[in-house]
Protein backbone atom coordinates (compact mmCIF):
# COMPACT_ATOMS: atom_id res chain seq x y z
CA GLN A 1 0.00 0.00 0.00
CA VAL A 2 1.84 3.03 -1.32
CA GLN A 3 0.64 6.43 -0.13
CA LEU A 4 1.76 9.93 -1.06
CA VAL A 5 1.31 12.94 1.20
CA GLU A 6 1.75 16.41 -0.31
CA SER A 7 2.19 19.85 1.18
CA GLY A 8 3.39 23.33 0.26
CA GLY A 9 0.73 24.77 -2.02
CA GLY A 10 -0.63 28.25 -1.61
CA LEU A 11 -1.30 31.67 -3.11
CA VAL A 12 1.58 33.86 -4.28
CA GLN A 13 2.13 36.93 -6.44
CA PRO A 14 3.82 36.70 -9.84
CA GLY A 15 7.56 36.35 -9.38
CA GLY A 16 7.15 34.61 -6.05
CA SER A 17 8.27 31.15 -4.98
CA LEU A 18 6.81 28.01 -3.46
CA ARG A 19 8.28 24.66 -2.45
CA LEU A 20 6.13 21.56 -2.75
CA SER A 21 6.90 18.41 -0.77
CA CYS A 22 5.76 14.82 -1.20
CA VAL A 23 6.47 11.96 1.21
CA LEU A 24 6.12 8.32 0.18
CA SER A 25 5.08 5.67 2.68
CA GLY A 26 4.55 1.92 2.45
CA SER A 27 7.40 0.95 0.13
CA ILE A 28 11.03 1.50 -0.76
CA PHE A 29 11.46 4.97 -2.17
CA SER A 30 14.46 4.22 -4.37
CA MET A 31 12.47 1.74 -6.45
CA PHE A 32 10.14 4.41 -7.83
CA THR A 33 10.20 7.06 -10.48
CA MET A 34 8.83 10.22 -8.88
CA GLY A 35 7.20 13.13 -10.63
CA TRP A 36 5.11 16.24 -10.36
CA TYR A 37 2.13 16.88 -12.61
CA ARG A 38 -0.34 19.73 -12.77
CA GLN A 39 -3.84 20.30 -14.04
CA ALA A 40 -5.50 23.66 -14.59
CA PRO A 41 -9.30 24.00 -14.75
CA GLY A 42 -10.63 22.76 -18.07
CA LYS A 43 -7.22 21.52 -19.21
CA GLN A 44 -5.48 18.17 -19.41
CA ARG A 45 -3.04 17.02 -16.77
CA GLU A 46 0.56 17.60 -17.81
CA LEU A 47 3.96 16.49 -16.61
CA VAL A 48 5.90 19.25 -14.88
CA ALA A 49 9.04 17.44 -13.71
CA ARG A 50 10.29 13.91 -13.12
CA ILE A 51 13.25 12.33 -11.37
CA SER A 52 14.57 8.78 -11.67
CA GLY A 53 17.99 7.38 -10.88
CA GLY A 54 19.32 10.89 -10.39
CA SER A 55 18.19 11.99 -13.84
CA THR A 56 15.63 14.78 -14.20
CA ASN A 57 13.46 16.18 -16.93
CA TYR A 58 11.14 19.18 -17.12
CA ALA A 59 8.36 20.60 -19.19
CA ASP A 60 9.63 23.35 -21.48
CA SER A 61 7.35 25.87 -19.77
CA VAL A 62 9.11 25.48 -16.41
CA LYS A 63 12.74 24.92 -17.40
CA GLY A 64 15.04 27.30 -15.57
CA ARG A 65 12.38 28.15 -13.00
CA PHE A 66 11.44 24.83 -11.34
CA THR A 67 13.74 22.25 -9.77
CA ILE A 68 12.82 18.72 -8.74
CA SER A 69 14.90 16.95 -6.11
CA SER A 70 14.66 13.91 -3.84
CA ASP A 71 15.90 12.68 -0.49
CA ASN A 72 16.12 8.90 -0.27
CA ALA A 73 16.61 8.87 3.50
CA LYS A 74 13.41 10.86 4.01
CA LYS A 75 11.61 9.12 1.13
CA SER A 76 10.61 12.54 -0.15
CA VAL A 77 10.51 14.46 -3.39
CA TYR A 78 10.38 18.23 -3.72
CA LEU A 79 9.51 20.81 -6.33
CA GLN A 80 11.09 24.22 -5.88
CA MET A 81 9.14 26.73 -7.95
CA ASN A 82 10.70 30.14 -8.57
CA ASN A 83 9.63 33.11 -10.67
CA LEU A 84 6.07 31.89 -10.67
CA LYS A 85 3.71 33.09 -13.39
CA PRO A 86 -0.10 33.26 -13.52
CA GLU A 87 -0.07 30.43 -16.06
CA ASP A 88 1.48 28.19 -13.40
CA THR A 89 -1.83 28.25 -11.53
CA ALA A 90 -3.07 24.66 -11.23
CA VAL A 91 -3.54 21.74 -8.91
CA TYR A 92 -0.19 20.01 -8.54
CA TYR A 93 -0.02 16.26 -8.03
CA CYS A 94 2.79 14.07 -6.77
CA ASN A 95 3.18 10.78 -8.63
CA SER A 96 5.09 7.55 -8.03
CA LYS A 97 5.53 4.81 -10.57
CA LEU A 98 7.06 1.34 -10.65
CA GLY A 99 6.35 -0.59 -13.82
CA ILE A 100 2.58 -0.72 -14.26
CA PHE A 101 1.95 0.36 -10.68
CA GLU A 102 1.19 4.02 -10.16
CA THR A 103 0.08 6.11 -7.19
CA TRP A 104 -1.10 9.72 -7.02
CA GLY A 105 -1.22 12.22 -4.21
CA GLN A 106 -4.40 14.12 -3.43
CA GLY A 107 -3.17 17.30 -5.10
CA THR A 108 -2.29 20.73 -3.76
CA GLN A 109 -3.50 24.05 -5.15
CA VAL A 110 -0.98 26.57 -6.45
CA SER A 111 -2.42 29.98 -7.32
CA VAL A 112 -0.38 32.82 -8.83
CA SER A 113 -2.09 36.19 -9.14
CA SER A 114 -1.63 39.86 -8.38
């Protein structure tokens, strides 16, 4: 039984920063590919960032602004979001994947507005 617990969402002004956290429980963290996705109202869910085996990849829209990282000892993954823009507003979801097995967090709201 894999569970993901997220935190760190909130409301910020354009140019501000937020740090999202996700903690995995119930399994061995190092076995999973971890990622962050987001979904804005009326739009499809999209990959924001992913980390696996120390390798990372990002959506073009967030490159240079967002950074994904992990801590194996704490079984946690983080998303540091800098220089936030209104178009970053969405519900952000933590994701873990091992083969065909996939688990999602409950989502956390990120709102960017003046």
